């Protein structure tokens, strides 16, 4: 008789509430959260010209970290080199197909009898959307840090770039005798970037990073900043007990996140980003992912690799779902690098 596996327990934090200013009005839906009115306020409003410059820097930074395009052709590339780039990306597209097929059975069912070209175009556009989301994440993380430094509200803002936190900001309270509050911030595009089962682990990891930081002076507050989703604030709570996973961790949605760090509304930030993109000074594509044309050389390279793997027949259709399932379920073995020839010893 098969024994059922016990569900892994969510990581728990034994620490009590950190002594930073909190909302004490029990009638408030934000009761117990950080009291923004008792913290140092912004010294300046960032001018439109300065904000545009910060946005351009954020766009450039994000593009260095992660391109929005699947295929990037450097200026001055010869036609022969362009073809080679397309062929390489066709091979990478098959790897992407294998890596991101979360449900091999469903993927095989939907792909069965489909032509390689239709499948490749769909994969190419999905990969483009994924890259755009990743690029946007870097963009707004950098912009939030830059704006926080510019408004002079914080004693210091430093990029952490750890697995847990993106940046740290130290802010004084309005009570001269209090220690400053240390904010440990992880920026996400949207709240659903983390699934329901992922939140407890992410909260635990972020708070452990804060608790073990030897450089901080004063209490800490952990923040998941949601850059592109309307709303104010909340804590992530356990469904059964409605108890917060941590009383020191908050989720700040866009309508609170941007005014707190940038002294600008969410809509204002997005309008300014749009205006910068509209000037043509950014290399971002104007077309939707569904409008992008996929190069024929890339499609042909994808077809060749699918044919070599036995996934398609002579007319280019995925004809064997069982073989496709086997392909998707088999762990990809990294290619071995050729051994370097040993140098002959000098006599």
C-alpha atoms as a PDB file:
ATOM      1  CA  UNK A   1       0.000   0.000   0.000  1.00  0.00           C
ATOM      2  CA  UNK A   2       1.423   3.379  -1.043  1.00  0.00           C
ATOM      3  CA  UNK A   3       2.059   5.829   1.747  1.00  0.00           C
ATOM      4  CA  UNK A   4       1.081   9.444   1.245  1.00  0.00           C
ATOM      5  CA  UNK A   5       3.836  12.008   1.480  1.00  0.00           C
ATOM      6  CA  UNK A   6       3.493  14.698   4.105  1.00  0.00           C
ATOM      7  CA  UNK A   7       3.234  18.212   2.761  1.00  0.00           C
ATOM      8  CA  UNK A   8       6.366  20.204   3.484  1.00  0.00           C
ATOM      9  CA  UNK A   9       5.777  22.743   6.222  1.00  0.00           C
ATOM     10  CA  UNK A  10       6.173  26.409   5.365  1.00  0.00           C
ATOM     11  CA  UNK A  11       9.275  28.031   6.875  1.00  0.00           C
ATOM     12  CA  UNK A  12       8.449  29.869  10.061  1.00  0.00           C
ATOM     13  CA  UNK A  13       9.904  33.029  11.592  1.00  0.00           C
ATOM     14  CA  UNK A  14      10.065  33.093  15.357  1.00  0.00           C
ATOM     15  CA  UNK A  15      10.866  36.803  15.641  1.00  0.00           C
ATOM     16  CA  UNK A  16       8.288  39.234  16.988  1.00  0.00           C
ATOM     17  CA  UNK A  17       7.341  42.603  15.525  1.00  0.00           C
ATOM     18  CA  UNK A  18      10.225  44.966  14.790  1.00  0.00           C
ATOM     19  CA  UNK A  19       9.968  48.276  16.725  1.00  0.00           C
ATOM     20  CA  UNK A  20       9.348  50.617  13.783  1.00  0.00           C
ATOM     21  CA  UNK A  21       6.393  53.063  13.651  1.00  0.00           C
ATOM     22  CA  UNK A  22       3.189  51.163  12.897  1.00  0.00           C
ATOM     23  CA  UNK A  23      -0.406  52.152  12.255  1.00  0.00           C
ATOM     24  CA  UNK A  24      -2.179  51.719  15.601  1.00  0.00           C
ATOM     25  CA  UNK A  25      -5.753  52.439  14.533  1.00  0.00           C
ATOM     26  CA  UNK A  26      -7.498  49.062  14.770  1.00  0.00           C
ATOM     27  CA  UNK A  27     -10.288  50.324  12.517  1.00  0.00           C
ATOM     28  CA  UNK A  28      -7.801  50.831   9.689  1.00  0.00           C
ATOM     29  CA  UNK A  29      -7.366  48.046   7.128  1.00  0.00           C
ATOM     30  CA  UNK A  30      -3.646  48.828   7.333  1.00  0.00           C
ATOM     31  CA  UNK A  31      -3.477  48.257  11.091  1.00  0.00           C
ATOM     32  CA  UNK A  32      -0.028  47.056  12.143  1.00  0.00           C
ATOM     33  CA  UNK A  33       1.696  48.122   8.927  1.00  0.00           C
ATOM     34  CA  UNK A  34       4.473  50.696   8.656  1.00  0.00           C
ATOM     35  CA  UNK A  35       3.184  54.190   9.467  1.00  0.00           C
ATOM     36  CA  UNK A  36       4.441  56.346   6.599  1.00  0.00           C
ATOM     37  CA  UNK A  37       3.281  59.564   8.288  1.00  0.00           C
ATOM     38  CA  UNK A  38       5.841  59.085  11.075  1.00  0.00           C
ATOM     39  CA  UNK A  39       8.798  58.855   8.692  1.00  0.00           C
ATOM     40  CA  UNK A  40      10.914  61.554   7.070  1.00  0.00           C
ATOM     41  CA  UNK A  41       9.125  62.878   4.002  1.00  0.00           C
ATOM     42  CA  UNK A  42      10.485  63.639   0.526  1.00  0.00           C
ATOM     43  CA  UNK A  43      12.629  66.754   0.228  1.00  0.00           C
ATOM     44  CA  UNK A  44      11.990  67.398  -3.481  1.00  0.00           C
ATOM     45  CA  UNK A  45       9.774  66.475  -6.415  1.00  0.00           C
ATOM     46  CA  UNK A  46      11.873  65.113  -9.266  1.00  0.00           C
ATOM     47  CA  UNK A  47      11.629  67.386 -12.291  1.00  0.00           C
ATOM     48  CA  UNK A  48      10.313  65.962 -15.578  1.00  0.00           C
ATOM     49  CA  UNK A  49      13.695  66.505 -17.233  1.00  0.00           C
ATOM     50  CA  UNK A  50      15.523  64.647 -14.468  1.00  0.00           C
ATOM     51  CA  UNK A  51      12.943  61.863 -14.417  1.00  0.00           C
ATOM     52  CA  UNK A  52      13.372  61.407 -18.185  1.00  0.00           C
ATOM     53  CA  UNK A  53      17.116  61.063 -17.666  1.00  0.00           C
ATOM     54  CA  UNK A  54      16.589  58.490 -14.907  1.00  0.00           C
ATOM     55  CA  UNK A  55      14.198  56.545 -17.139  1.00  0.00           C
ATOM     56  CA  UNK A  56      16.712  56.503 -19.999  1.00  0.00           C
ATOM     57  CA  UNK A  57      19.375  55.218 -17.613  1.00  0.00           C
ATOM     58  CA  UNK A  58      16.974  52.551 -16.335  1.00  0.00           C
ATOM     59  CA  UNK A  59      16.178  51.441 -19.892  1.00  0.00           C
ATOM     60  CA  UNK A  60      19.885  51.226 -20.761  1.00  0.00           C
ATOM     61  CA  UNK A  61      20.623  49.296 -17.551  1.00  0.00           C
ATOM     62  CA  UNK A  62      17.808  46.832 -18.193  1.00  0.00           C
ATOM     63  CA  UNK A  63      18.956  46.274 -21.766  1.00  0.00           C
ATOM     64  CA  UNK A  64      22.444  45.446 -20.536  1.00  0.00           C
ATOM     65  CA  UNK A  65      21.029  42.955 -18.045  1.00  0.00           C
ATOM     66  CA  UNK A  66      18.488  41.325 -20.358  1.00  0.00           C
ATOM     67  CA  UNK A  67      17.608  42.215 -23.957  1.00  0.00           C
ATOM     68  CA  UNK A  68      13.920  42.516 -24.812  1.00  0.00           C
ATOM     69  CA  UNK A  69      14.512  40.887 -28.207  1.00  0.00           C
ATOM     70  CA  UNK A  70      15.039  37.172 -28.835  1.00  0.00           C
ATOM     71  CA  UNK A  71      17.350  37.972 -31.743  1.00  0.00           C
ATOM     72  CA  UNK A  72      19.770  40.857 -31.388  1.00  0.00           C
ATOM     73  CA  UNK A  73      21.784  41.847 -34.463  1.00  0.00           C
ATOM     74  CA  UNK A  74      24.743  44.158 -33.693  1.00  0.00           C
ATOM     75  CA  UNK A  75      25.329  47.126 -35.990  1.00  0.00           C
ATOM     76  CA  UNK A  76      27.742  46.281 -38.804  1.00  0.00           C
ATOM     77  CA  UNK A  77      26.988  42.550 -38.867  1.00  0.00           C
ATOM     78  CA  UNK A  78      27.507  41.057 -42.322  1.00  0.00           C
ATOM     79  CA  UNK A  79      24.659  39.188 -44.097  1.00  0.00           C
ATOM     80  CA  UNK A  80      26.536  35.899 -43.647  1.00  0.00           C
ATOM     81  CA  UNK A  81      26.905  36.511 -39.900  1.00  0.00           C
ATOM     82  CA  UNK A  82      23.205  37.415 -39.634  1.00  0.00           C
ATOM     83  CA  UNK A  83      22.280  34.030 -41.145  1.00  0.00           C
ATOM     84  CA  UNK A  84      24.523  32.264 -38.617  1.00  0.00           C
ATOM     85  CA  UNK A  85      22.878  34.170 -35.760  1.00  0.00           C
ATOM     86  CA  UNK A  86      19.442  33.099 -37.005  1.00  0.00           C
ATOM     87  CA  UNK A  87      20.558  29.458 -37.262  1.00  0.00           C
ATOM     88  CA  UNK A  88      21.883  29.535 -33.702  1.00  0.00           C
ATOM     89  CA  UNK A  89      18.627  31.051 -32.421  1.00  0.00           C
ATOM     90  CA  UNK A  90      16.664  28.285 -34.164  1.00  0.00           C
ATOM     91  CA  UNK A  91      18.638  25.739 -32.132  1.00  0.00           C
ATOM     92  CA  UNK A  92      18.063  27.782 -28.962  1.00  0.00           C
ATOM     93  CA  UNK A  93      14.328  27.868 -29.695  1.00  0.00           C
ATOM     94  CA  UNK A  94      14.134  24.063 -29.552  1.00  0.00           C
ATOM     95  CA  UNK A  95      15.964  24.173 -26.205  1.00  0.00           C
ATOM     96  CA  UNK A  96      13.451  26.762 -25.009  1.00  0.00           C
ATOM     97  CA  UNK A  97      10.623  24.453 -26.137  1.00  0.00           C
ATOM     98  CA  UNK A  98      12.070  21.640 -24.031  1.00  0.00           C
ATOM     99  CA  UNK A  99      12.840  23.774 -20.987  1.00  0.00           C
ATOM    100  CA  UNK A 100       9.523  25.619 -20.678  1.00  0.00           C
ATOM    101  CA  UNK A 101       7.061  22.845 -21.530  1.00  0.00           C
ATOM    102  CA  UNK A 102       5.592  22.659 -18.018  1.00  0.00           C
ATOM    103  CA  UNK A 103       3.081  19.960 -18.961  1.00  0.00           C
ATOM    104  CA  UNK A 104       4.604  17.532 -21.510  1.00  0.00           C
ATOM    105  CA  UNK A 105       1.305  15.671 -21.991  1.00  0.00           C
ATOM    106  CA  UNK A 106      -0.700  18.823 -22.696  1.00  0.00           C
ATOM    107  CA  UNK A 107       2.078  20.197 -24.895  1.00  0.00           C
ATOM    108  CA  UNK A 108       2.190  16.995 -26.932  1.00  0.00           C
ATOM    109  CA  UNK A 109      -1.598  17.010 -27.275  1.00  0.00           C
ATOM    110  CA  UNK A 110      -1.668  20.609 -28.535  1.00  0.00           C
ATOM    111  CA  UNK A 111       1.368  20.160 -30.802  1.00  0.00           C
ATOM    112  CA  UNK A 112       0.265  16.876 -32.403  1.00  0.00           C
ATOM    113  CA  UNK A 113      -0.325  17.290 -36.175  1.00  0.00           C
ATOM    114  CA  UNK A 114       0.794  20.934 -36.013  1.00  0.00           C
ATOM    115  CA  UNK A 115       3.387  22.147 -38.485  1.00  0.00           C
ATOM    116  CA  UNK A 116       6.831  23.051 -37.180  1.00  0.00           C
ATOM    117  CA  UNK A 117       6.485  26.600 -38.508  1.00  0.00           C
ATOM    118  CA  UNK A 118       3.308  27.332 -36.496  1.00  0.00           C
ATOM    119  CA  UNK A 119       4.893  25.874 -33.356  1.00  0.00           C
ATOM    120  CA  UNK A 120       8.132  27.812 -33.848  1.00  0.00           C
ATOM    121  CA  UNK A 121       6.331  31.133 -34.359  1.00  0.00           C
ATOM    122  CA  UNK A 122       4.287  30.588 -31.198  1.00  0.00           C
ATOM    123  CA  UNK A 123       7.444  29.697 -29.227  1.00  0.00           C
ATOM    124  CA  UNK A 124       9.293  32.719 -30.605  1.00  0.00           C
ATOM    125  CA  UNK A 125       6.531  35.082 -29.534  1.00  0.00           C
ATOM    126  CA  UNK A 126       6.207  33.482 -26.095  1.00  0.00           C
ATOM    127  CA  UNK A 127       9.949  33.789 -25.613  1.00  0.00           C
ATOM    128  CA  UNK A 128       9.757  37.441 -26.649  1.00  0.00           C
ATOM    129  CA  UNK A 129       7.037  38.134 -24.058  1.00  0.00           C
ATOM    130  CA  UNK A 130       9.093  36.381 -21.386  1.00  0.00           C
ATOM    131  CA  UNK A 131      12.133  38.485 -22.249  1.00  0.00           C
ATOM    132  CA  UNK A 132      10.056  41.676 -22.188  1.00  0.00           C
ATOM    133  CA  UNK A 133       8.746  40.868 -18.696  1.00  0.00           C
ATOM    134  CA  UNK A 134      12.262  40.176 -17.444  1.00  0.00           C
ATOM    135  CA  UNK A 135      13.592  43.371 -19.006  1.00  0.00           C
ATOM    136  CA  UNK A 136      10.762  45.414 -17.460  1.00  0.00           C
ATOM    137  CA  UNK A 137      11.606  43.963 -14.056  1.00  0.00           C
ATOM    138  CA  UNK A 138      15.193  45.218 -14.306  1.00  0.00           C
ATOM    139  CA  UNK A 139      13.984  48.587 -15.647  1.00  0.00           C
ATOM    140  CA  UNK A 140      11.638  49.421 -12.778  1.00  0.00           C
ATOM    141  CA  UNK A 141      13.956  48.050 -10.114  1.00  0.00           C
ATOM    142  CA  UNK A 142      16.705  50.409 -11.308  1.00  0.00           C
ATOM    143  CA  UNK A 143      14.256  53.306 -11.678  1.00  0.00           C
ATOM    144  CA  UNK A 144      12.920  52.884  -8.129  1.00  0.00           C
ATOM    145  CA  UNK A 145      16.449  52.949  -6.693  1.00  0.00           C
ATOM    146  CA  UNK A 146      17.404  56.003  -8.786  1.00  0.00           C
ATOM    147  CA  UNK A 147      14.276  57.924  -7.791  1.00  0.00           C
ATOM    148  CA  UNK A 148      14.726  57.066  -4.107  1.00  0.00           C
ATOM    149  CA  UNK A 149      18.234  58.503  -4.202  1.00  0.00           C
ATOM    150  CA  UNK A 150      17.043  61.641  -5.977  1.00  0.00           C
ATOM    151  CA  UNK A 151      14.211  62.672  -3.617  1.00  0.00           C
ATOM    152  CA  UNK A 152      16.546  62.945  -0.610  1.00  0.00           C
ATOM    153  CA  UNK A 153      14.077  61.210   1.641  1.00  0.00           C
ATOM    154  CA  UNK A 154      16.448  58.411   2.592  1.00  0.00           C
ATOM    155  CA  UNK A 155      19.764  58.411   4.435  1.00  0.00           C
ATOM    156  CA  UNK A 156      21.094  55.932   1.919  1.00  0.00           C
ATOM    157  CA  UNK A 157      19.894  53.641  -0.856  1.00  0.00           C
ATOM    158  CA  UNK A 158      22.076  50.786  -1.955  1.00  0.00           C
ATOM    159  CA  UNK A 159      21.552  48.109  -4.562  1.00  0.00           C
ATOM    160  CA  UNK A 160      21.953  44.673  -2.966  1.00  0.00           C
ATOM    161  CA  UNK A 161      21.327  42.419  -5.977  1.00  0.00           C
ATOM    162  CA  UNK A 162      21.148  39.337  -3.801  1.00  0.00           C
ATOM    163  CA  UNK A 163      18.843  36.401  -4.383  1.00  0.00           C
ATOM    164  CA  UNK A 164      16.522  37.792  -1.684  1.00  0.00           C
ATOM    165  CA  UNK A 165      16.622  41.611  -1.922  1.00  0.00           C
ATOM    166  CA  UNK A 166      17.098  44.048  -4.801  1.00  0.00           C
ATOM    167  CA  UNK A 167      17.905  47.117  -2.721  1.00  0.00           C
ATOM    168  CA  UNK A 168      18.093  48.481   0.808  1.00  0.00           C
ATOM    169  CA  UNK A 169      16.987  51.946   1.967  1.00  0.00           C
ATOM    170  CA  UNK A 170      17.493  53.573   5.344  1.00  0.00           C
ATOM    171  CA  UNK A 171      14.987  56.198   6.494  1.00  0.00           C
ATOM    172  CA  UNK A 172      14.692  58.279   9.670  1.00  0.00           C
ATOM    173  CA  UNK A 173      11.553  58.597  11.759  1.00  0.00           C
ATOM    174  CA  UNK A 174      10.198  62.002  12.802  1.00  0.00           C
ATOM    175  CA  UNK A 175      11.199  61.201  16.391  1.00  0.00           C
ATOM    176  CA  UNK A 176      14.848  62.326  16.774  1.00  0.00           C
ATOM    177  CA  UNK A 177      15.500  59.683  19.428  1.00  0.00           C
ATOM    178  CA  UNK A 178      14.550  56.710  17.262  1.00  0.00           C
ATOM    179  CA  UNK A 179      16.924  54.580  15.257  1.00  0.00           C
ATOM    180  CA  UNK A 180      16.395  54.677  11.485  1.00  0.00           C
ATOM    181  CA  UNK A 181      14.211  52.069   9.775  1.00  0.00           C
ATOM    182  CA  UNK A 182      15.942  49.741   7.328  1.00  0.00           C
ATOM    183  CA  UNK A 183      13.855  48.720   4.327  1.00  0.00           C
ATOM    184  CA  UNK A 184      14.784  45.538   2.462  1.00  0.00           C
ATOM    185  CA  UNK A 185      13.041  45.604  -0.887  1.00  0.00           C
ATOM    186  CA  UNK A 186      12.407  42.912  -3.470  1.00  0.00           C
ATOM    187  CA  UNK A 187      10.825  44.317  -6.642  1.00  0.00           C
ATOM    188  CA  UNK A 188       8.337  42.255  -8.648  1.00  0.00           C
ATOM    189  CA  UNK A 189       6.410  43.194 -11.785  1.00  0.00           C
ATOM    190  CA  UNK A 190       3.137  41.814 -10.418  1.00  0.00           C
ATOM    191  CA  UNK A 191       1.965  39.963  -7.334  1.00  0.00           C
ATOM    192  CA  UNK A 192       1.369  36.756  -9.284  1.00  0.00           C
ATOM    193  CA  UNK A 193       5.077  36.615 -10.138  1.00  0.00           C
ATOM    194  CA  UNK A 194       5.161  34.468  -7.006  1.00  0.00           C
ATOM    195  CA  UNK A 195       2.683  31.615  -6.687  1.00  0.00           C
ATOM    196  CA  UNK A 196       0.729  30.985  -3.504  1.00  0.00           C
ATOM    197  CA  UNK A 197       3.121  28.273  -2.315  1.00  0.00           C
ATOM    198  CA  UNK A 198       6.169  30.439  -3.090  1.00  0.00           C
ATOM    199  CA  UNK A 199       5.242  33.381  -0.869  1.00  0.00           C
ATOM    200  CA  UNK A 200       6.140  31.796   2.530  1.00  0.00           C
ATOM    201  CA  UNK A 201       9.602  30.809   1.298  1.00  0.00           C
ATOM    202  CA  UNK A 202      10.224  34.208  -0.295  1.00  0.00           C
ATOM    203  CA  UNK A 203       9.099  36.020   2.882  1.00  0.00           C
ATOM    204  CA  UNK A 204      11.316  33.820   5.032  1.00  0.00           C
ATOM    205  CA  UNK A 205      14.350  34.347   2.765  1.00  0.00           C
ATOM    206  CA  UNK A 206      13.911  38.128   2.611  1.00  0.00           C
ATOM    207  CA  UNK A 207      13.472  38.489   6.348  1.00  0.00           C
ATOM    208  CA  UNK A 208      16.453  36.256   7.080  1.00  0.00           C
ATOM    209  CA  UNK A 209      18.566  38.499   4.825  1.00  0.00           C
ATOM    210  CA  UNK A 210      17.388  41.496   6.864  1.00  0.00           C
ATOM    211  CA  UNK A 211      17.890  39.866  10.247  1.00  0.00           C
ATOM    212  CA  UNK A 212      21.410  38.702   9.478  1.00  0.00           C
ATOM    213  CA  UNK A 213      22.628  41.991   7.958  1.00  0.00           C
ATOM    214  CA  UNK A 214      25.440  43.055  10.279  1.00  0.00           C
ATOM    215  CA  UNK A 215      25.618  46.578   8.826  1.00  0.00           C
ATOM    216  CA  UNK A 216      22.147  47.783   9.766  1.00  0.00           C
ATOM    217  CA  UNK A 217      21.397  49.984  12.750  1.00  0.00           C
ATOM    218  CA  UNK A 218      17.793  49.958  13.953  1.00  0.00           C
ATOM    219  CA  UNK A 219      14.727  47.916  13.066  1.00  0.00           C
ATOM    220  CA  UNK A 220      14.033  46.426   9.656  1.00  0.00           C
ATOM    221  CA  UNK A 221      10.923  46.189   7.489  1.00  0.00           C
ATOM    222  CA  UNK A 222      10.813  43.820   4.520  1.00  0.00           C
ATOM    223  CA  UNK A 223       8.973  44.944   1.397  1.00  0.00           C
ATOM    224  CA  UNK A 224       7.847  43.206  -1.766  1.00  0.00           C
ATOM    225  CA  UNK A 225       7.387  46.149  -4.112  1.00  0.00           C
ATOM    226  CA  UNK A 226       4.909  45.482  -6.917  1.00  0.00           C
ATOM    227  CA  UNK A 227       5.937  47.815  -9.735  1.00  0.00           C
ATOM    228  CA  UNK A 228       3.001  47.394 -12.113  1.00  0.00           C
ATOM    229  CA  UNK A 229      -0.200  46.461 -10.282  1.00  0.00           C
ATOM    230  CA  UNK A 230      -2.681  48.922  -8.800  1.00  0.00           C
ATOM    231  CA  UNK A 231      -3.400  48.801  -5.083  1.00  0.00           C
ATOM    232  CA  UNK A 232      -2.075  49.909  -1.712  1.00  0.00           C
ATOM    233  CA  UNK A 233      -0.605  47.495   0.858  1.00  0.00           C
ATOM    234  CA  UNK A 234      -1.198  44.156   2.499  1.00  0.00           C
ATOM    235  CA  UNK A 235       0.459  41.289   4.316  1.00  0.00           C
ATOM    236  CA  UNK A 236       0.490  37.726   3.026  1.00  0.00           C
ATOM    237  CA  UNK A 237      -1.544  35.614   5.445  1.00  0.00           C
ATOM    238  CA  UNK A 238      -2.099  31.927   6.009  1.00  0.00           C
ATOM    239  CA  UNK A 239      -5.434  30.825   4.624  1.00  0.00           C
ATOM    240  CA  UNK A 240      -6.523  28.675   7.549  1.00  0.00           C
ATOM    241  CA  UNK A 241      -5.608  30.999  10.413  1.00  0.00           C
ATOM    242  CA  UNK A 242      -5.472  34.409   8.666  1.00  0.00           C
ATOM    243  CA  UNK A 243      -2.215  34.991  10.556  1.00  0.00           C
ATOM    244  CA  UNK A 244       0.520  36.853   8.684  1.00  0.00           C
ATOM    245  CA  UNK A 245       3.538  34.773   7.728  1.00  0.00           C
ATOM    246  CA  UNK A 246       5.595  37.661   9.100  1.00  0.00           C
ATOM    247  CA  UNK A 247       4.448  40.848  10.828  1.00  0.00           C
ATOM    248  CA  UNK A 248       7.613  42.527   9.529  1.00  0.00           C
ATOM    249  CA  UNK A 249       6.965  41.900   5.831  1.00  0.00           C
ATOM    250  CA  UNK A 250       4.586  43.904   3.642  1.00  0.00           C
ATOM    251  CA  UNK A 251       3.505  43.866  -0.002  1.00  0.00           C
ATOM    252  CA  UNK A 252       3.403  47.361  -1.487  1.00  0.00           C
ATOM    253  CA  UNK A 253       1.385  47.721  -4.674  1.00  0.00           C
ATOM    254  CA  UNK A 254       2.058  50.393  -7.267  1.00  0.00           C
ATOM    255  CA  UNK A 255      -0.181  53.118  -5.776  1.00  0.00           C
ATOM    256  CA  UNK A 256       1.888  53.041  -2.574  1.00  0.00           C
ATOM    257  CA  UNK A 257       5.250  51.799  -3.852  1.00  0.00           C
ATOM    258  CA  UNK A 258       5.983  54.603  -6.342  1.00  0.00           C
ATOM    259  CA  UNK A 259       4.877  57.573  -4.184  1.00  0.00           C
ATOM    260  CA  UNK A 260       6.895  56.176  -1.261  1.00  0.00           C
ATOM    261  CA  UNK A 261      10.163  55.823  -3.169  1.00  0.00           C
ATOM    262  CA  UNK A 262       9.793  58.266  -6.088  1.00  0.00           C
ATOM    263  CA  UNK A 263       7.366  60.936  -4.827  1.00  0.00           C
ATOM    264  CA  UNK A 264       5.441  60.335  -8.066  1.00  0.00           C
ATOM    265  CA  UNK A 265       2.203  58.444  -8.702  1.00  0.00           C
ATOM    266  CA  UNK A 266       2.202  55.104 -10.507  1.00  0.00           C
ATOM    267  CA  UNK A 267       0.351  56.613 -13.468  1.00  0.00           C
ATOM    268  CA  UNK A 268       2.789  59.516 -13.592  1.00  0.00           C
ATOM    269  CA  UNK A 269       5.755  57.132 -13.737  1.00  0.00           C
ATOM    270  CA  UNK A 270       4.173  55.118 -16.550  1.00  0.00           C
ATOM    271  CA  UNK A 271       3.253  58.228 -18.552  1.00  0.00           C
ATOM    272  CA  UNK A 272       6.832  59.476 -18.327  1.00  0.00           C
ATOM    273  CA  UNK A 273       8.216  56.092 -19.402  1.00  0.00           C
ATOM    274  CA  UNK A 274       5.820  56.141 -22.367  1.00  0.00           C
ATOM    275  CA  UNK A 275       6.945  59.630 -23.344  1.00  0.00           C
ATOM    276  CA  UNK A 276      10.601  58.603 -23.242  1.00  0.00           C
ATOM    277  CA  UNK A 277       9.865  55.536 -25.366  1.00  0.00           C
ATOM    278  CA  UNK A 278       7.915  57.729 -27.804  1.00  0.00           C
ATOM    279  CA  UNK A 279      10.891  59.991 -28.434  1.00  0.00           C
ATOM    280  CA  UNK A 280      12.688  57.185 -30.239  1.00  0.00           C
ATOM    281  CA  UNK A 281      15.753  57.467 -27.999  1.00  0.00           C
ATOM    282  CA  UNK A 282      15.130  53.921 -26.738  1.00  0.00           C
ATOM    283  CA  UNK A 283      15.748  50.853 -28.950  1.00  0.00           C
ATOM    284  CA  UNK A 284      12.512  49.184 -27.828  1.00  0.00           C
ATOM    285  CA  UNK A 285      10.412  47.508 -30.534  1.00  0.00           C
ATOM    286  CA  UNK A 286       7.118  49.205 -31.451  1.00  0.00           C
ATOM    287  CA  UNK A 287       5.422  45.989 -32.595  1.00  0.00           C
ATOM    288  CA  UNK A 288       3.465  43.651 -30.367  1.00  0.00           C
ATOM    289  CA  UNK A 289       5.000  40.225 -29.855  1.00  0.00           C
ATOM    290  CA  UNK A 290       2.184  38.766 -32.000  1.00  0.00           C
ATOM    291  CA  UNK A 291       3.195  41.067 -34.871  1.00  0.00           C
ATOM    292  CA  UNK A 292       6.871  40.129 -34.972  1.00  0.00           C
ATOM    293  CA  UNK A 293       8.082  38.433 -38.125  1.00  0.00           C
ATOM    294  CA  UNK A 294      10.200  35.359 -37.469  1.00  0.00           C
ATOM    295  CA  UNK A 295      13.189  35.083 -39.853  1.00  0.00           C
ATOM    296  CA  UNK A 296      12.947  32.174 -42.317  1.00  0.00           C
ATOM    297  CA  UNK A 297      16.527  31.111 -41.530  1.00  0.00           C
ATOM    298  CA  UNK A 298      15.582  30.739 -37.876  1.00  0.00           C
ATOM    299  CA  UNK A 299      12.489  28.708 -38.746  1.00  0.00           C
ATOM    300  CA  UNK A 300      14.493  26.441 -41.053  1.00  0.00           C
ATOM    301  CA  UNK A 301      17.109  25.874 -38.343  1.00  0.00           C
ATOM    302  CA  UNK A 302      14.327  24.928 -35.899  1.00  0.00           C
ATOM    303  CA  UNK A 303      12.901  22.527 -38.522  1.00  0.00           C
ATOM    304  CA  UNK A 304      16.268  20.849 -39.038  1.00  0.00           C
ATOM    305  CA  UNK A 305      16.824  20.268 -35.306  1.00  0.00           C
ATOM    306  CA  UNK A 306      13.272  18.930 -34.871  1.00  0.00           C
ATOM    307  CA  UNK A 307      13.818  16.555 -37.795  1.00  0.00           C
ATOM    308  CA  UNK A 308      17.139  15.360 -36.386  1.00  0.00           C
ATOM    309  CA  UNK A 309      15.383  14.631 -33.078  1.00  0.00           C
ATOM    310  CA  UNK A 310      12.683  12.651 -34.902  1.00  0.00           C
ATOM    311  CA  UNK A 311       9.940  15.002 -33.763  1.00  0.00           C
ATOM    312  CA  UNK A 312       8.536  15.890 -37.193  1.00  0.00           C
ATOM    313  CA  UNK A 313       7.902  14.006 -40.430  1.00  0.00           C
ATOM    314  CA  UNK A 314       9.061  14.906 -43.932  1.00  0.00           C
ATOM    315  CA  UNK A 315       6.327  17.528 -44.383  1.00  0.00           C
ATOM    316  CA  UNK A 316       7.259  19.202 -41.085  1.00  0.00           C
ATOM    317  CA  UNK A 317       4.355  18.060 -38.897  1.00  0.00           C
ATOM    318  CA  UNK A 318       4.706  16.799 -35.318  1.00  0.00           C
ATOM    319  CA  UNK A 319       3.495  13.288 -36.072  1.00  0.00           C
ATOM    320  CA  UNK A 320       4.372  11.234 -32.987  1.00  0.00           C
ATOM    321  CA  UNK A 321       3.094  12.568 -29.612  1.00  0.00           C
ATOM    322  CA  UNK A 322       4.755   9.751 -27.648  1.00  0.00           C
ATOM    323  CA  UNK A 323       8.133  10.620 -29.104  1.00  0.00           C
ATOM    324  CA  UNK A 324       7.522  14.285 -28.273  1.00  0.00           C
ATOM    325  CA  UNK A 325       6.644  13.396 -24.672  1.00  0.00           C
ATOM    326  CA  UNK A 326       9.841  11.366 -24.436  1.00  0.00           C
ATOM    327  CA  UNK A 327      11.804  14.347 -25.770  1.00  0.00           C
ATOM    328  CA  UNK A 328      10.199  16.767 -23.292  1.00  0.00           C
ATOM    329  CA  UNK A 329      10.623  14.434 -20.319  1.00  0.00           C
ATOM    330  CA  UNK A 330      14.234  13.466 -20.979  1.00  0.00           C
ATOM    331  CA  UNK A 331      16.820  15.487 -19.143  1.00  0.00           C
ATOM    332  CA  UNK A 332      18.965  17.502 -21.493  1.00  0.00           C
ATOM    333  CA  UNK A 333      22.581  16.370 -21.360  1.00  0.00           C
ATOM    334  CA  UNK A 334      25.007  19.268 -21.769  1.00  0.00           C
ATOM    335  CA  UNK A 335      27.405  18.872 -24.655  1.00  0.00           C
ATOM    336  CA  UNK A 336      30.918  17.933 -23.595  1.00  0.00           C
ATOM    337  CA  UNK A 337      33.631  20.380 -24.426  1.00  0.00           C
ATOM    338  CA  UNK A 338      36.423  18.951 -26.536  1.00  0.00           C
ATOM    339  CA  UNK A 339      39.574  18.337 -24.554  1.00  0.00           C
ATOM    340  CA  UNK A 340      42.429  20.662 -25.272  1.00  0.00           C
ATOM    341  CA  UNK A 341      45.470  19.069 -26.799  1.00  0.00           C
ATOM    342  CA  UNK A 342      48.331  18.775 -24.361  1.00  0.00           C
ATOM    343  CA  UNK A 343      51.316  20.896 -25.119  1.00  0.00           C
ATOM    344  CA  UNK A 344      54.472  18.995 -25.868  1.00  0.00           C
ATOM    345  CA  UNK A 345      57.036  19.222 -23.107  1.00  0.00           C
ATOM    346  CA  UNK A 346      60.179  21.090 -23.920  1.00  0.00           C
ATOM    347  CA  UNK A 347      63.250  18.916 -24.155  1.00  0.00           C
END
